[in-house]
Structure formats: structure tokens, C-alpha cells
Amino acid sequence: MQTKRLGVLFKQSEFELLKEKAKEERKSIAELIRTAVEEKYLLSTKREKMNALNRLFSPDREVSFPPWEELKSGLIEEVNREVETH
């Protein structure tokens, strides 16, 4: 349900083309404009977010970690620093 009103000015030729297109598709001009805005500006944002999520959680995503011994020694050093400061 639409709750905001917006006034948009078009050239006469653009308006006539919209009117023809609306008639062909059996829609209002307002509906054509809302659909165009949604497809151009809103869906692309949703699509970009979904693509990012898909890339993030893809099983094909390459993740590399340092060798376990390197991680282990770093964790031990961090714990030792914490113990020394308390």
C-alpha cells in the first residue's frame, strides 16, 4: 500500500510514451513508474545483498588459515600477556 505521494514532471513526448506503454500493459502510469523505480534502485540493492551473502556462505569460498602451530603459539602468547597484566 502506497503512503507517500510524489509529483514528477515529464516532457510531453515522454508522457505520451508512458501513456502508450501503460495502455499496452493495462497498467496505470504510476504503476509503471513504481515498477521502474523498484527494478532500477530497490531490487538491485536487494540483489547485491543476496549475492554478497551467497558469496560469504558459499562452500566454494576460499578460506585460508595459518598453520595450527602458528595459531597455537599466538594464542599462548596472548594468554600469557593477559596473565602478566593482571
Protein backbone atom coordinates (compact mmCIF):
# COMPACT_ATOMS: atom_id res chain seq x y z
CA MET A 1 0.00 0.00 0.00
CA GLN A 2 1.45 3.33 -1.04
CA THR A 3 1.61 6.02 1.65
CA LYS A 4 3.61 8.82 0.04
CA ARG A 5 2.73 11.00 -2.92
CA LEU A 6 5.30 12.41 -5.32
CA GLY A 7 4.88 14.83 -8.21
CA VAL A 8 7.07 14.18 -11.24
CA LEU A 9 7.29 16.34 -14.36
CA PHE A 10 7.90 14.76 -17.77
CA LYS A 11 8.39 16.16 -21.25
CA GLN A 12 5.22 15.84 -23.29
CA SER A 13 6.84 13.20 -25.54
CA GLU A 14 7.94 11.13 -22.53
CA PHE A 15 4.49 11.35 -21.02
CA GLU A 16 2.89 10.18 -24.28
CA LEU A 17 5.22 7.19 -24.45
CA LEU A 18 4.42 6.30 -20.85
CA LYS A 19 0.71 6.63 -21.57
CA GLU A 20 1.01 4.29 -24.57
CA LYS A 21 3.08 1.77 -22.61
CA ALA A 22 0.60 1.85 -19.72
CA LYS A 23 -2.26 1.20 -22.12
CA GLU A 24 -0.39 -1.71 -23.75
CA GLU A 25 0.35 -3.29 -20.39
CA ARG A 26 -3.06 -2.43 -18.95
CA LYS A 27 -1.45 -0.64 -16.01
CA SER A 28 -1.50 2.90 -14.71
CA ILE A 29 1.37 5.25 -15.45
CA ALA A 30 2.01 5.41 -11.71
CA GLU A 31 2.35 1.62 -11.58
CA LEU A 32 4.84 1.68 -14.47
CA ILE A 33 6.92 4.30 -12.68
CA ARG A 34 6.81 2.45 -9.33
CA THR A 35 7.91 -0.75 -11.06
CA ALA A 36 10.74 1.01 -12.88
CA VAL A 37 12.00 2.61 -9.65
CA GLU A 38 11.81 -0.69 -7.81
CA GLU A 39 13.69 -2.56 -10.53
CA LYS A 40 16.33 0.13 -11.00
CA TYR A 41 17.04 1.20 -7.43
CA LEU A 42 15.48 -1.15 -4.91
CA LEU A 43 15.80 -4.67 -6.30
CA SER A 44 19.39 -4.14 -7.35
CA THR A 45 20.22 -3.33 -3.74
CA LYS A 46 18.45 -6.48 -2.53
CA ARG A 47 20.13 -8.46 -5.30
CA GLU A 48 23.55 -7.11 -4.33
CA LYS A 49 22.97 -8.05 -0.68
CA MET A 50 21.83 -11.55 -1.60
CA ASN A 51 24.83 -12.01 -3.89
CA ALA A 52 27.14 -10.90 -1.10
CA LEU A 53 25.52 -13.33 1.33
CA ASN A 54 25.75 -16.14 -1.20
CA ARG A 55 29.44 -15.41 -1.73
CA LEU A 56 30.02 -15.23 2.03
CA PHE A 57 28.38 -18.58 2.77
CA SER A 58 29.40 -20.37 -0.41
CA PRO A 59 31.03 -23.77 0.15
CA ASP A 60 33.40 -22.82 -2.68
CA ARG A 61 34.66 -19.77 -0.80
CA GLU A 62 38.37 -19.96 -0.24
CA VAL A 63 39.36 -19.53 3.37
CA SER A 64 42.94 -19.84 4.47
CA PHE A 65 44.25 -20.02 7.99
CA PRO A 66 47.81 -20.05 9.24
CA PRO A 67 49.20 -23.43 10.30
CA TRP A 68 47.87 -24.70 13.64
CA GLU A 69 51.22 -24.38 15.40
CA GLU A 70 51.39 -20.69 14.45
CA LEU A 71 47.85 -20.08 15.72
CA LYS A 72 48.53 -22.03 18.91
CA SER A 73 51.71 -20.08 19.75
CA GLY A 74 49.90 -16.78 19.11
CA LEU A 75 47.07 -17.78 21.44
CA ILE A 76 49.52 -18.85 24.14
CA GLU A 77 51.38 -15.53 23.86
CA GLU A 78 48.10 -13.61 24.16
CA VAL A 79 47.03 -15.58 27.26
CA ASN A 80 50.47 -15.06 28.84
CA ARG A 81 50.23 -11.30 28.26
CA GLU A 82 46.77 -11.25 29.88
CA VAL A 83 48.03 -13.19 32.89
CA GLU A 84 51.04 -10.88 33.31
CA THR A 85 48.89 -7.73 33.28
CA HIS A 86 46.53 -8.98 36.00
